[in-house]
Amino acid sequence: MFSRLLRPGKRSLESLSEQEILALAISSEEDDGRIYLAYADALRDAYPRSARVFEEMAAEESHHRQMLIDRHIARFGDRIPLVRREFVRDFPERKPDWLIHNMPIEKIRDQAEAMEEAAHRFYLEAAARTEDAATRKLLGDLALAEKSHESLARRLGEEHTPLDVKAEEDQTARRQFVLTYVQPGLAGLMDGSVSTLAPIFAAAFATQDTWQTFLVGLSASVGAGISMGFTEAAHDDGKLSGRGSPVKRGLASGIMTALGGLGHALPYLIPNFMLATTIAVFVVFVELWAIAFIQNRYMETPFLRAAMQVVLGGSLVLAAGVLIGNA
């Protein structure tokens, strides 16, 4: 029992036999080919050129796998032992398919480059530990194939995704990011920052009690966040509008709404009323300028116009809250 607990769960590459190294290479090529096909499936609708790149990369991995199988049959017969990357210590792991579908295109490209580099290092190590000349040559050739003068991903990318296409795909990815996260988050931040101004500052000046004001701000912020989050998630499933997952949009909207209100509610945890109010007013103007910046950065709204609209509107709501609180 104790020997089973003390036994390492994974083996080192140095401990593998030549047959096990070939078996590991075969299973790794099969895994990488499947991953490239998963990349292609994930990108096919929005990025057909890049999907074609990964289909050809999968075909290349399939060819490598067949070469390794042929070598194994010639040297050890057709019974290939089960050796997978998760059995070997320090062997690079791969992400499952359900995580691949949520990866942005740039992360997928970078991941493909990292996969090739890892395969290159593995084949160099494997070739160094192989005594059979033909097997050593095959592993060395595969190392060169994985790490050629330019990587396969880059070479295929130049063929199927030239710079203008990559720029177009990057623009599409940016647009999707704006639709799924920035737009709902910005709407939430505006709602949370502006709509809670009147109740928070009305409560502050009416009660002169910082704790009661904080409770009003907390309830208004959390309530607005829940409302905005459910509204965003429920009114559009994203299939026809292309705005992405309703859950992601709802979370972005709800969280930013709550944060927008909490920003100027938290200062009222300070017992001193004047100090808390001064900090809260300062936070309000920081929030309003942040909204104007985001509008300018992602929504391409001229900064002065965005600032005028947001700051003027927020100032009017703030003034209304103060007047009501002093009534």
C-alpha atoms as a PDB file:
ATOM      1  CA  MET A   1       0.000   0.000   0.000  1.00  0.00           C
ATOM      2  CA  PHE A   2       2.746   2.424   1.002  1.00  0.00           C
ATOM      3  CA  SER A   3       4.812   1.570  -2.060  1.00  0.00           C
ATOM      4  CA  ARG A   4       1.804   2.443  -4.210  1.00  0.00           C
ATOM      5  CA  LEU A   5       1.513   5.837  -2.512  1.00  0.00           C
ATOM      6  CA  LEU A   6       5.218   6.561  -2.835  1.00  0.00           C
ATOM      7  CA  ARG A   7       5.425   5.476  -6.458  1.00  0.00           C
ATOM      8  CA  PRO A   8       5.534   8.507  -8.789  1.00  0.00           C
ATOM      9  CA  GLY A   9       2.391   8.966 -10.845  1.00  0.00           C
ATOM     10  CA  LYS A  10       4.289   9.842 -14.014  1.00  0.00           C
ATOM     11  CA  ARG A  11       7.429   8.555 -15.661  1.00  0.00           C
ATOM     12  CA  SER A  12      10.278  10.638 -16.940  1.00  0.00           C
ATOM     13  CA  LEU A  13      11.155  10.725 -20.625  1.00  0.00           C
ATOM     14  CA  GLU A  14      14.565   9.249 -19.775  1.00  0.00           C
ATOM     15  CA  SER A  15      12.910   6.112 -18.392  1.00  0.00           C
ATOM     16  CA  LEU A  16      10.999   5.300 -21.596  1.00  0.00           C
ATOM     17  CA  SER A  17      12.193   2.570 -23.914  1.00  0.00           C
ATOM     18  CA  GLU A  18      12.615   3.168 -27.633  1.00  0.00           C
ATOM     19  CA  GLN A  19       9.272   1.462 -28.305  1.00  0.00           C
ATOM     20  CA  GLU A  20       7.551   3.609 -25.679  1.00  0.00           C
ATOM     21  CA  ILE A  21       9.064   6.745 -27.169  1.00  0.00           C
ATOM     22  CA  LEU A  22       7.627   5.842 -30.554  1.00  0.00           C
ATOM     23  CA  ALA A  23       4.248   5.089 -28.952  1.00  0.00           C
ATOM     24  CA  LEU A  24       4.319   8.457 -27.167  1.00  0.00           C
ATOM     25  CA  ALA A  25       5.169  10.224 -30.428  1.00  0.00           C
ATOM     26  CA  ILE A  26       2.288   8.472 -32.217  1.00  0.00           C
ATOM     27  CA  SER A  27      -0.274   9.426 -29.575  1.00  0.00           C
ATOM     28  CA  SER A  28       1.067  12.997 -29.404  1.00  0.00           C
ATOM     29  CA  GLU A  29       0.766  13.483 -33.160  1.00  0.00           C
ATOM     30  CA  GLU A  30      -2.777  12.127 -33.008  1.00  0.00           C
ATOM     31  CA  ASP A  31      -3.661  14.513 -30.157  1.00  0.00           C
ATOM     32  CA  ASP A  32      -2.152  17.514 -31.947  1.00  0.00           C
ATOM     33  CA  GLY A  33      -4.008  16.667 -35.144  1.00  0.00           C
ATOM     34  CA  ARG A  34      -7.302  16.520 -33.269  1.00  0.00           C
ATOM     35  CA  ILE A  35      -6.552  19.841 -31.587  1.00  0.00           C
ATOM     36  CA  TYR A  36      -5.820  21.502 -34.932  1.00  0.00           C
ATOM     37  CA  LEU A  37      -9.123  20.182 -36.278  1.00  0.00           C
ATOM     38  CA  ALA A  38     -10.868  21.564 -33.169  1.00  0.00           C
ATOM     39  CA  TYR A  39      -9.230  24.917 -33.894  1.00  0.00           C
ATOM     40  CA  ALA A  40     -10.493  24.713 -37.471  1.00  0.00           C
ATOM     41  CA  ASP A  41     -14.037  23.919 -36.316  1.00  0.00           C
ATOM     42  CA  ALA A  42     -13.992  26.794 -33.831  1.00  0.00           C
ATOM     43  CA  LEU A  43     -12.770  29.285 -36.445  1.00  0.00           C
ATOM     44  CA  ARG A  44     -14.572  28.091 -39.561  1.00  0.00           C
ATOM     45  CA  ASP A  45     -17.594  30.408 -39.403  1.00  0.00           C
ATOM     46  CA  ALA A  46     -15.830  33.643 -38.480  1.00  0.00           C
ATOM     47  CA  TYR A  47     -12.315  32.984 -39.859  1.00  0.00           C
ATOM     48  CA  PRO A  48     -12.498  30.544 -42.807  1.00  0.00           C
ATOM     49  CA  ARG A  49      -8.951  31.276 -44.006  1.00  0.00           C
ATOM     50  CA  SER A  50      -7.406  30.492 -40.635  1.00  0.00           C
ATOM     51  CA  ALA A  51      -9.601  27.384 -40.371  1.00  0.00           C
ATOM     52  CA  ARG A  52      -8.030  26.182 -43.612  1.00  0.00           C
ATOM     53  CA  VAL A  53      -4.580  26.710 -42.078  1.00  0.00           C
ATOM     54  CA  PHE A  54      -5.355  24.418 -39.164  1.00  0.00           C
ATOM     55  CA  GLU A  55      -6.929  21.785 -41.427  1.00  0.00           C
ATOM     56  CA  GLU A  56      -3.655  21.570 -43.346  1.00  0.00           C
ATOM     57  CA  MET A  57      -1.706  21.449 -40.096  1.00  0.00           C
ATOM     58  CA  ALA A  58      -3.893  18.530 -38.985  1.00  0.00           C
ATOM     59  CA  ALA A  59      -3.170  16.773 -42.268  1.00  0.00           C
ATOM     60  CA  GLU A  60       0.552  17.296 -41.665  1.00  0.00           C
ATOM     61  CA  GLU A  61       0.274  15.781 -38.184  1.00  0.00           C
ATOM     62  CA  SER A  62      -1.610  12.802 -39.633  1.00  0.00           C
ATOM     63  CA  HIS A  63       1.241  12.235 -42.094  1.00  0.00           C
ATOM     64  CA  HIS A  64       3.788  12.357 -39.272  1.00  0.00           C
ATOM     65  CA  ARG A  65       1.700   9.893 -37.279  1.00  0.00           C
ATOM     66  CA  GLN A  66       1.602   7.433 -40.163  1.00  0.00           C
ATOM     67  CA  MET A  67       5.376   7.640 -40.585  1.00  0.00           C
ATOM     68  CA  LEU A  68       5.814   6.842 -36.901  1.00  0.00           C
ATOM     69  CA  ILE A  69       3.376   3.939 -37.068  1.00  0.00           C
ATOM     70  CA  ASP A  70       5.203   2.493 -40.076  1.00  0.00           C
ATOM     71  CA  ARG A  71       8.493   2.736 -38.216  1.00  0.00           C
ATOM     72  CA  HIS A  72       7.008   1.064 -35.136  1.00  0.00           C
ATOM     73  CA  ILE A  73       5.626  -1.799 -37.211  1.00  0.00           C
ATOM     74  CA  ALA A  74       8.973  -2.287 -38.916  1.00  0.00           C
ATOM     75  CA  ARG A  75      10.892  -2.344 -35.642  1.00  0.00           C
ATOM     76  CA  PHE A  76       8.527  -3.687 -32.975  1.00  0.00           C
ATOM     77  CA  GLY A  77       5.454  -5.075 -34.746  1.00  0.00           C
ATOM     78  CA  ASP A  78       1.887  -3.818 -34.896  1.00  0.00           C
ATOM     79  CA  ARG A  79       1.084  -3.912 -31.154  1.00  0.00           C
ATOM     80  CA  ILE A  80       1.620  -0.301 -30.036  1.00  0.00           C
ATOM     81  CA  PRO A  81       1.737   0.197 -26.249  1.00  0.00           C
ATOM     82  CA  LEU A  82      -0.517   2.811 -24.682  1.00  0.00           C
ATOM     83  CA  VAL A  83       1.724   5.744 -23.759  1.00  0.00           C
ATOM     84  CA  ARG A  84       0.193   9.210 -23.695  1.00  0.00           C
ATOM     85  CA  ARG A  85       1.510  12.651 -22.848  1.00  0.00           C
ATOM     86  CA  GLU A  86      -0.319  12.706 -19.508  1.00  0.00           C
ATOM     87  CA  PHE A  87       1.708   9.652 -18.434  1.00  0.00           C
ATOM     88  CA  VAL A  88       5.043  11.440 -18.863  1.00  0.00           C
ATOM     89  CA  ARG A  89       6.494  13.947 -16.423  1.00  0.00           C
ATOM     90  CA  ASP A  90       7.024  17.528 -17.657  1.00  0.00           C
ATOM     91  CA  PHE A  91       5.391  16.774 -20.994  1.00  0.00           C
ATOM     92  CA  PRO A  92       3.388  19.809 -22.221  1.00  0.00           C
ATOM     93  CA  GLU A  93      -0.333  19.385 -21.655  1.00  0.00           C
ATOM     94  CA  ARG A  94      -3.041  20.286 -24.144  1.00  0.00           C
ATOM     95  CA  LYS A  95      -6.320  22.099 -23.521  1.00  0.00           C
ATOM     96  CA  PRO A  96      -9.573  20.128 -23.977  1.00  0.00           C
ATOM     97  CA  ASP A  97     -11.903  20.946 -26.861  1.00  0.00           C
ATOM     98  CA  TRP A  98     -14.462  22.757 -24.698  1.00  0.00           C
ATOM     99  CA  LEU A  99     -11.821  25.350 -23.732  1.00  0.00           C
ATOM    100  CA  ILE A 100     -10.622  25.773 -27.295  1.00  0.00           C
ATOM    101  CA  HIS A 101     -13.994  27.123 -28.433  1.00  0.00           C
ATOM    102  CA  ASN A 102     -13.684  30.062 -26.045  1.00  0.00           C
ATOM    103  CA  MET A 103     -10.158  31.073 -27.097  1.00  0.00           C
ATOM    104  CA  PRO A 104      -9.632  34.225 -29.198  1.00  0.00           C
ATOM    105  CA  ILE A 105      -7.981  33.796 -32.582  1.00  0.00           C
ATOM    106  CA  GLU A 106      -4.671  35.346 -31.522  1.00  0.00           C
ATOM    107  CA  LYS A 107      -4.465  32.966 -28.546  1.00  0.00           C
ATOM    108  CA  ILE A 108      -5.138  30.031 -30.880  1.00  0.00           C
ATOM    109  CA  ARG A 109      -2.343  31.129 -33.228  1.00  0.00           C
ATOM    110  CA  ASP A 110       0.059  31.529 -30.304  1.00  0.00           C
ATOM    111  CA  GLN A 111      -0.969  28.144 -28.935  1.00  0.00           C
ATOM    112  CA  ALA A 112      -0.255  26.496 -32.286  1.00  0.00           C
ATOM    113  CA  GLU A 113       3.222  28.025 -32.322  1.00  0.00           C
ATOM    114  CA  ALA A 114       3.841  26.781 -28.771  1.00  0.00           C
ATOM    115  CA  MET A 115       2.655  23.284 -29.723  1.00  0.00           C
ATOM    116  CA  GLU A 116       5.158  23.131 -32.579  1.00  0.00           C
ATOM    117  CA  GLU A 117       7.988  24.335 -30.366  1.00  0.00           C
ATOM    118  CA  ALA A 118       7.139  21.708 -27.723  1.00  0.00           C
ATOM    119  CA  ALA A 119       6.991  18.967 -30.371  1.00  0.00           C
ATOM    120  CA  HIS A 120      10.360  20.107 -31.725  1.00  0.00           C
ATOM    121  CA  ARG A 121      11.995  19.832 -28.296  1.00  0.00           C
ATOM    122  CA  PHE A 122      10.415  16.426 -27.701  1.00  0.00           C
ATOM    123  CA  TYR A 123      11.709  14.984 -30.970  1.00  0.00           C
ATOM    124  CA  LEU A 124      15.223  16.287 -30.268  1.00  0.00           C
ATOM    125  CA  GLU A 125      15.191  14.632 -26.835  1.00  0.00           C
ATOM    126  CA  ALA A 126      13.685  11.436 -28.233  1.00  0.00           C
ATOM    127  CA  ALA A 127      16.215  11.214 -31.061  1.00  0.00           C
ATOM    128  CA  ALA A 128      19.078  11.636 -28.598  1.00  0.00           C
ATOM    129  CA  ARG A 129      17.819   8.626 -26.616  1.00  0.00           C
ATOM    130  CA  THR A 130      17.342   6.319 -29.587  1.00  0.00           C
ATOM    131  CA  GLU A 131      20.042   3.900 -30.718  1.00  0.00           C
ATOM    132  CA  ASP A 132      18.421   2.536 -33.868  1.00  0.00           C
ATOM    133  CA  ALA A 133      19.738   4.539 -36.815  1.00  0.00           C
ATOM    134  CA  ALA A 134      16.521   4.563 -38.859  1.00  0.00           C
ATOM    135  CA  THR A 135      14.396   5.550 -35.879  1.00  0.00           C
ATOM    136  CA  ARG A 136      16.886   8.236 -34.886  1.00  0.00           C
ATOM    137  CA  LYS A 137      16.797   9.644 -38.416  1.00  0.00           C
ATOM    138  CA  LEU A 138      12.983   9.682 -38.468  1.00  0.00           C
ATOM    139  CA  LEU A 139      12.772  11.496 -35.135  1.00  0.00           C
ATOM    140  CA  GLY A 140      15.389  13.982 -36.281  1.00  0.00           C
ATOM    141  CA  ASP A 141      13.485  14.607 -39.503  1.00  0.00           C
ATOM    142  CA  LEU A 142      10.302  15.193 -37.545  1.00  0.00           C
ATOM    143  CA  ALA A 143      12.129  17.640 -35.278  1.00  0.00           C
ATOM    144  CA  LEU A 144      13.170  19.590 -38.366  1.00  0.00           C
ATOM    145  CA  ALA A 145       9.632  19.413 -39.728  1.00  0.00           C
ATOM    146  CA  GLU A 146       8.225  20.820 -36.480  1.00  0.00           C
ATOM    147  CA  LYS A 147      10.856  23.512 -36.276  1.00  0.00           C
ATOM    148  CA  SER A 148      11.720  24.466 -39.824  1.00  0.00           C
ATOM    149  CA  HIS A 149      13.098  27.787 -41.018  1.00  0.00           C
ATOM    150  CA  GLU A 150       9.651  29.193 -40.372  1.00  0.00           C
ATOM    151  CA  SER A 151       6.990  27.388 -38.355  1.00  0.00           C
ATOM    152  CA  LEU A 152       4.269  25.502 -40.171  1.00  0.00           C
ATOM    153  CA  ALA A 153       1.619  27.765 -38.697  1.00  0.00           C
ATOM    154  CA  ARG A 154       3.385  30.838 -40.046  1.00  0.00           C
ATOM    155  CA  ARG A 155       4.112  29.306 -43.455  1.00  0.00           C
ATOM    156  CA  LEU A 156       0.549  28.149 -43.929  1.00  0.00           C
ATOM    157  CA  GLY A 157      -0.656  31.452 -42.547  1.00  0.00           C
ATOM    158  CA  GLU A 158       1.212  33.333 -45.268  1.00  0.00           C
ATOM    159  CA  GLU A 159      -0.469  31.137 -47.874  1.00  0.00           C
ATOM    160  CA  HIS A 160      -4.028  31.184 -46.544  1.00  0.00           C
ATOM    161  CA  THR A 161      -4.186  34.219 -44.278  1.00  0.00           C
ATOM    162  CA  PRO A 162      -2.158  37.055 -45.834  1.00  0.00           C
ATOM    163  CA  LEU A 163      -1.729  40.277 -43.921  1.00  0.00           C
ATOM    164  CA  ASP A 164      -4.911  41.849 -45.232  1.00  0.00           C
ATOM    165  CA  VAL A 165      -6.948  38.793 -44.233  1.00  0.00           C
ATOM    166  CA  LYS A 166      -5.313  38.664 -40.797  1.00  0.00           C
ATOM    167  CA  ALA A 167      -6.097  42.330 -40.341  1.00  0.00           C
ATOM    168  CA  GLU A 168      -9.707  41.633 -41.293  1.00  0.00           C
ATOM    169  CA  GLU A 169      -9.896  38.681 -38.887  1.00  0.00           C
ATOM    170  CA  ASP A 170      -8.331  40.739 -36.110  1.00  0.00           C
ATOM    171  CA  GLN A 171     -10.905  43.441 -36.750  1.00  0.00           C
ATOM    172  CA  THR A 172     -13.670  40.847 -36.552  1.00  0.00           C
ATOM    173  CA  ALA A 173     -12.254  39.556 -33.257  1.00  0.00           C
ATOM    174  CA  ARG A 174     -12.093  43.098 -31.879  1.00  0.00           C
ATOM    175  CA  ARG A 175     -15.665  43.758 -32.988  1.00  0.00           C
ATOM    176  CA  GLN A 176     -16.821  40.575 -31.244  1.00  0.00           C
ATOM    177  CA  PHE A 177     -15.008  41.620 -28.064  1.00  0.00           C
ATOM    178  CA  VAL A 178     -16.712  45.006 -28.175  1.00  0.00           C
ATOM    179  CA  LEU A 179     -20.161  43.496 -28.770  1.00  0.00           C
ATOM    180  CA  THR A 180     -19.843  40.801 -26.103  1.00  0.00           C
ATOM    181  CA  TYR A 181     -17.988  42.591 -23.333  1.00  0.00           C
ATOM    182  CA  VAL A 182     -17.374  46.305 -23.923  1.00  0.00           C
ATOM    183  CA  GLN A 183     -20.832  47.400 -25.053  1.00  0.00           C
ATOM    184  CA  PRO A 184     -22.793  45.626 -22.285  1.00  0.00           C
ATOM    185  CA  GLY A 185     -20.158  46.543 -19.708  1.00  0.00           C
ATOM    186  CA  LEU A 186     -20.204  50.179 -20.773  1.00  0.00           C
ATOM    187  CA  ALA A 187     -23.993  50.295 -20.609  1.00  0.00           C
ATOM    188  CA  GLY A 188     -23.822  48.780 -17.136  1.00  0.00           C
ATOM    189  CA  LEU A 189     -21.131  51.181 -15.962  1.00  0.00           C
ATOM    190  CA  MET A 190     -23.127  54.155 -17.234  1.00  0.00           C
ATOM    191  CA  ASP A 191     -26.304  52.907 -15.590  1.00  0.00           C
ATOM    192  CA  GLY A 192     -24.604  52.055 -12.303  1.00  0.00           C
ATOM    193  CA  SER A 193     -22.602  55.260 -12.137  1.00  0.00           C
ATOM    194  CA  VAL A 194     -25.378  57.659 -13.155  1.00  0.00           C
ATOM    195  CA  SER A 195     -28.641  56.099 -11.980  1.00  0.00           C
ATOM    196  CA  THR A 196     -27.415  55.581  -8.408  1.00  0.00           C
ATOM    197  CA  LEU A 197     -26.171  59.149  -8.013  1.00  0.00           C
ATOM    198  CA  ALA A 198     -29.542  60.619  -7.082  1.00  0.00           C
ATOM    199  CA  PRO A 199     -30.554  58.050  -4.408  1.00  0.00           C
ATOM    200  CA  ILE A 200     -27.087  57.895  -2.825  1.00  0.00           C
ATOM    201  CA  PHE A 201     -26.537  61.640  -2.532  1.00  0.00           C
ATOM    202  CA  ALA A 202     -30.173  62.294  -1.654  1.00  0.00           C
ATOM    203  CA  ALA A 203     -29.830  59.835   1.217  1.00  0.00           C
ATOM    204  CA  ALA A 204     -26.494  61.343   2.201  1.00  0.00           C
ATOM    205  CA  PHE A 205     -27.739  64.925   2.502  1.00  0.00           C
ATOM    206  CA  ALA A 206     -31.112  63.948   3.923  1.00  0.00           C
ATOM    207  CA  THR A 207     -29.735  61.790   6.754  1.00  0.00           C
ATOM    208  CA  GLN A 208     -26.153  63.047   7.228  1.00  0.00           C
ATOM    209  CA  ASP A 209     -25.557  59.413   8.258  1.00  0.00           C
ATOM    210  CA  THR A 210     -22.698  57.724   6.398  1.00  0.00           C
ATOM    211  CA  TRP A 211     -23.702  54.155   7.352  1.00  0.00           C
ATOM    212  CA  GLN A 212     -27.296  54.591   6.224  1.00  0.00           C
ATOM    213  CA  THR A 213     -26.048  56.214   3.019  1.00  0.00           C
ATOM    214  CA  PHE A 214     -23.742  53.271   2.401  1.00  0.00           C
ATOM    215  CA  LEU A 215     -26.619  50.820   2.851  1.00  0.00           C
ATOM    216  CA  VAL A 216     -28.736  52.777   0.375  1.00  0.00           C
ATOM    217  CA  GLY A 217     -25.848  52.809  -2.116  1.00  0.00           C
ATOM    218  CA  LEU A 218     -25.122  49.106  -1.610  1.00  0.00           C
ATOM    219  CA  SER A 219     -28.748  48.077  -2.140  1.00  0.00           C
ATOM    220  CA  ALA A 220     -29.155  50.374  -5.161  1.00  0.00           C
ATOM    221  CA  SER A 221     -25.913  49.129  -6.767  1.00  0.00           C
ATOM    222  CA  VAL A 222     -26.528  45.420  -6.207  1.00  0.00           C
ATOM    223  CA  GLY A 223     -30.168  45.694  -7.236  1.00  0.00           C
ATOM    224  CA  ALA A 224     -29.295  47.618 -10.392  1.00  0.00           C
ATOM    225  CA  GLY A 225     -26.548  45.105 -11.205  1.00  0.00           C
ATOM    226  CA  ILE A 226     -28.888  42.138 -10.914  1.00  0.00           C
ATOM    227  CA  SER A 227     -31.553  43.898 -12.954  1.00  0.00           C
ATOM    228  CA  MET A 228     -29.176  44.984 -15.724  1.00  0.00           C
ATOM    229  CA  GLY A 229     -27.510  41.564 -15.854  1.00  0.00           C
ATOM    230  CA  PHE A 230     -30.765  39.660 -16.275  1.00  0.00           C
ATOM    231  CA  THR A 231     -32.105  42.206 -18.741  1.00  0.00           C
ATOM    232  CA  GLU A 232     -29.017  41.985 -20.941  1.00  0.00           C
ATOM    233  CA  ALA A 233     -28.947  38.189 -20.839  1.00  0.00           C
ATOM    234  CA  ALA A 234     -32.667  37.750 -21.477  1.00  0.00           C
ATOM    235  CA  HIS A 235     -33.451  40.209 -24.234  1.00  0.00           C
ATOM    236  CA  ASP A 236     -31.043  38.841 -26.871  1.00  0.00           C
ATOM    237  CA  ASP A 237     -29.621  35.321 -27.236  1.00  0.00           C
ATOM    238  CA  GLY A 238     -26.925  36.635 -29.583  1.00  0.00           C
ATOM    239  CA  LYS A 239     -27.629  34.188 -32.407  1.00  0.00           C
ATOM    240  CA  LEU A 240     -29.096  36.664 -34.865  1.00  0.00           C
ATOM    241  CA  SER A 241     -27.384  39.816 -33.624  1.00  0.00           C
ATOM    242  CA  GLY A 242     -23.964  38.166 -33.373  1.00  0.00           C
ATOM    243  CA  ARG A 243     -23.403  39.788 -29.969  1.00  0.00           C
ATOM    244  CA  GLY A 244     -22.126  36.579 -28.405  1.00  0.00           C
ATOM    245  CA  SER A 245     -23.087  34.566 -25.336  1.00  0.00           C
ATOM    246  CA  PRO A 246     -25.966  36.101 -23.344  1.00  0.00           C
ATOM    247  CA  VAL A 247     -24.366  34.809 -20.137  1.00  0.00           C
ATOM    248  CA  LYS A 248     -21.108  36.648 -20.847  1.00  0.00           C
ATOM    249  CA  ARG A 249     -22.955  39.818 -21.795  1.00  0.00           C
ATOM    250  CA  GLY A 250     -25.173  39.584 -18.735  1.00  0.00           C
ATOM    251  CA  LEU A 251     -22.209  39.118 -16.426  1.00  0.00           C
ATOM    252  CA  ALA A 252     -20.348  42.028 -18.019  1.00  0.00           C
ATOM    253  CA  SER A 253     -23.354  44.299 -17.733  1.00  0.00           C
ATOM    254  CA  GLY A 254     -24.353  43.238 -14.230  1.00  0.00           C
ATOM    255  CA  ILE A 255     -20.874  43.386 -12.722  1.00  0.00           C
ATOM    256  CA  MET A 256     -20.053  46.779 -14.237  1.00  0.00           C
ATOM    257  CA  THR A 257     -23.421  48.170 -13.123  1.00  0.00           C
ATOM    258  CA  ALA A 258     -22.775  47.102  -9.543  1.00  0.00           C
ATOM    259  CA  LEU A 259     -19.219  48.436  -9.616  1.00  0.00           C
ATOM    260  CA  GLY A 260     -20.402  51.742 -11.060  1.00  0.00           C
ATOM    261  CA  GLY A 261     -22.710  52.296  -8.095  1.00  0.00           C
ATOM    262  CA  LEU A 262     -20.403  50.894  -5.445  1.00  0.00           C
ATOM    263  CA  GLY A 263     -17.627  53.237  -6.526  1.00  0.00           C
ATOM    264  CA  HIS A 264     -19.280  56.239  -4.918  1.00  0.00           C
ATOM    265  CA  ALA A 265     -21.080  54.255  -2.205  1.00  0.00           C
ATOM    266  CA  LEU A 266     -17.957  52.777  -0.606  1.00  0.00           C
ATOM    267  CA  PRO A 267     -16.564  56.151   0.564  1.00  0.00           C
ATOM    268  CA  TYR A 268     -19.518  56.341   2.967  1.00  0.00           C
ATOM    269  CA  LEU A 269     -17.899  53.613   5.037  1.00  0.00           C
ATOM    270  CA  ILE A 270     -15.844  56.540   6.353  1.00  0.00           C
ATOM    271  CA  PRO A 271     -17.620  57.898   9.470  1.00  0.00           C
ATOM    272  CA  ASN A 272     -16.786  61.542   8.701  1.00  0.00           C
ATOM    273  CA  PHE A 273     -19.634  62.823   6.521  1.00  0.00           C
ATOM    274  CA  MET A 274     -17.811  65.683   4.785  1.00  0.00           C
ATOM    275  CA  LEU A 275     -14.709  63.603   4.051  1.00  0.00           C
ATOM    276  CA  ALA A 276     -16.820  60.705   2.742  1.00  0.00           C
ATOM    277  CA  THR A 277     -18.884  63.018   0.533  1.00  0.00           C
ATOM    278  CA  THR A 278     -15.803  64.754  -0.855  1.00  0.00           C
ATOM    279  CA  ILE A 279     -14.224  61.417  -1.795  1.00  0.00           C
ATOM    280  CA  ALA A 280     -17.524  60.177  -3.250  1.00  0.00           C
ATOM    281  CA  VAL A 281     -17.852  63.262  -5.473  1.00  0.00           C
ATOM    282  CA  PHE A 282     -14.258  62.800  -6.649  1.00  0.00           C
ATOM    283  CA  VAL A 283     -14.967  59.120  -7.438  1.00  0.00           C
ATOM    284  CA  VAL A 284     -18.049  60.148  -9.429  1.00  0.00           C
ATOM    285  CA  PHE A 285     -16.026  62.395 -11.714  1.00  0.00           C
ATOM    286  CA  VAL A 286     -13.386  59.674 -12.152  1.00  0.00           C
ATOM    287  CA  GLU A 287     -16.157  57.234 -13.162  1.00  0.00           C
ATOM    288  CA  LEU A 288     -17.667  59.701 -15.623  1.00  0.00           C
ATOM    289  CA  TRP A 289     -14.333  60.434 -17.262  1.00  0.00           C
ATOM    290  CA  ALA A 290     -13.626  56.670 -17.441  1.00  0.00           C
ATOM    291  CA  ILE A 291     -16.923  56.200 -19.271  1.00  0.00           C
ATOM    292  CA  ALA A 292     -15.984  58.952 -21.727  1.00  0.00           C
ATOM    293  CA  PHE A 293     -12.586  57.311 -22.273  1.00  0.00           C
ATOM    294  CA  ILE A 294     -14.125  53.891 -22.966  1.00  0.00           C
ATOM    295  CA  GLN A 295     -16.606  55.429 -25.397  1.00  0.00           C
ATOM    296  CA  ASN A 296     -13.753  57.119 -27.217  1.00  0.00           C
ATOM    297  CA  ARG A 297     -11.471  54.061 -27.134  1.00  0.00           C
ATOM    298  CA  TYR A 298     -13.884  51.341 -28.182  1.00  0.00           C
ATOM    299  CA  MET A 299     -17.022  53.004 -29.522  1.00  0.00           C
ATOM    300  CA  GLU A 300     -15.101  55.614 -31.562  1.00  0.00           C
ATOM    301  CA  THR A 301     -17.086  58.470 -30.044  1.00  0.00           C
ATOM    302  CA  PRO A 302     -15.153  61.770 -30.156  1.00  0.00           C
ATOM    303  CA  PHE A 303     -13.720  62.256 -26.685  1.00  0.00           C
ATOM    304  CA  LEU A 304     -14.958  65.814 -26.138  1.00  0.00           C
ATOM    305  CA  ARG A 305     -18.464  64.896 -27.195  1.00  0.00           C
ATOM    306  CA  ALA A 306     -18.472  61.802 -25.005  1.00  0.00           C
ATOM    307  CA  ALA A 307     -17.114  63.785 -22.056  1.00  0.00           C
ATOM    308  CA  MET A 308     -19.681  66.530 -22.536  1.00  0.00           C
ATOM    309  CA  GLN A 309     -22.566  64.073 -22.679  1.00  0.00           C
ATOM    310  CA  VAL A 310     -21.496  61.880 -19.771  1.00  0.00           C
ATOM    311  CA  VAL A 311     -20.123  64.522 -17.429  1.00  0.00           C
ATOM    312  CA  LEU A 312     -23.011  66.915 -18.075  1.00  0.00           C
ATOM    313  CA  GLY A 313     -25.629  64.190 -17.590  1.00  0.00           C
ATOM    314  CA  GLY A 314     -23.940  62.841 -14.470  1.00  0.00           C
ATOM    315  CA  SER A 315     -23.554  66.301 -13.007  1.00  0.00           C
ATOM    316  CA  LEU A 316     -27.264  66.984 -13.493  1.00  0.00           C
ATOM    317  CA  VAL A 317     -28.229  63.728 -11.761  1.00  0.00           C
ATOM    318  CA  LEU A 318     -25.765  64.454  -8.950  1.00  0.00           C
ATOM    319  CA  ALA A 319     -27.214  67.941  -8.497  1.00  0.00           C
ATOM    320  CA  ALA A 320     -30.726  66.519  -8.439  1.00  0.00           C
ATOM    321  CA  GLY A 321     -29.762  64.113  -5.676  1.00  0.00           C
ATOM    322  CA  VAL A 322     -28.178  66.877  -3.601  1.00  0.00           C
ATOM    323  CA  LEU A 323     -31.211  69.175  -4.056  1.00  0.00           C
ATOM    324  CA  ILE A 324     -33.659  66.428  -3.139  1.00  0.00           C
ATOM    325  CA  GLY A 325     -31.596  65.462  -0.115  1.00  0.00           C
ATOM    326  CA  ASN A 326     -31.554  69.065   1.122  1.00  0.00           C
ATOM    327  CA  ALA A 327     -35.276  69.622   0.515  1.00  0.00           C
END
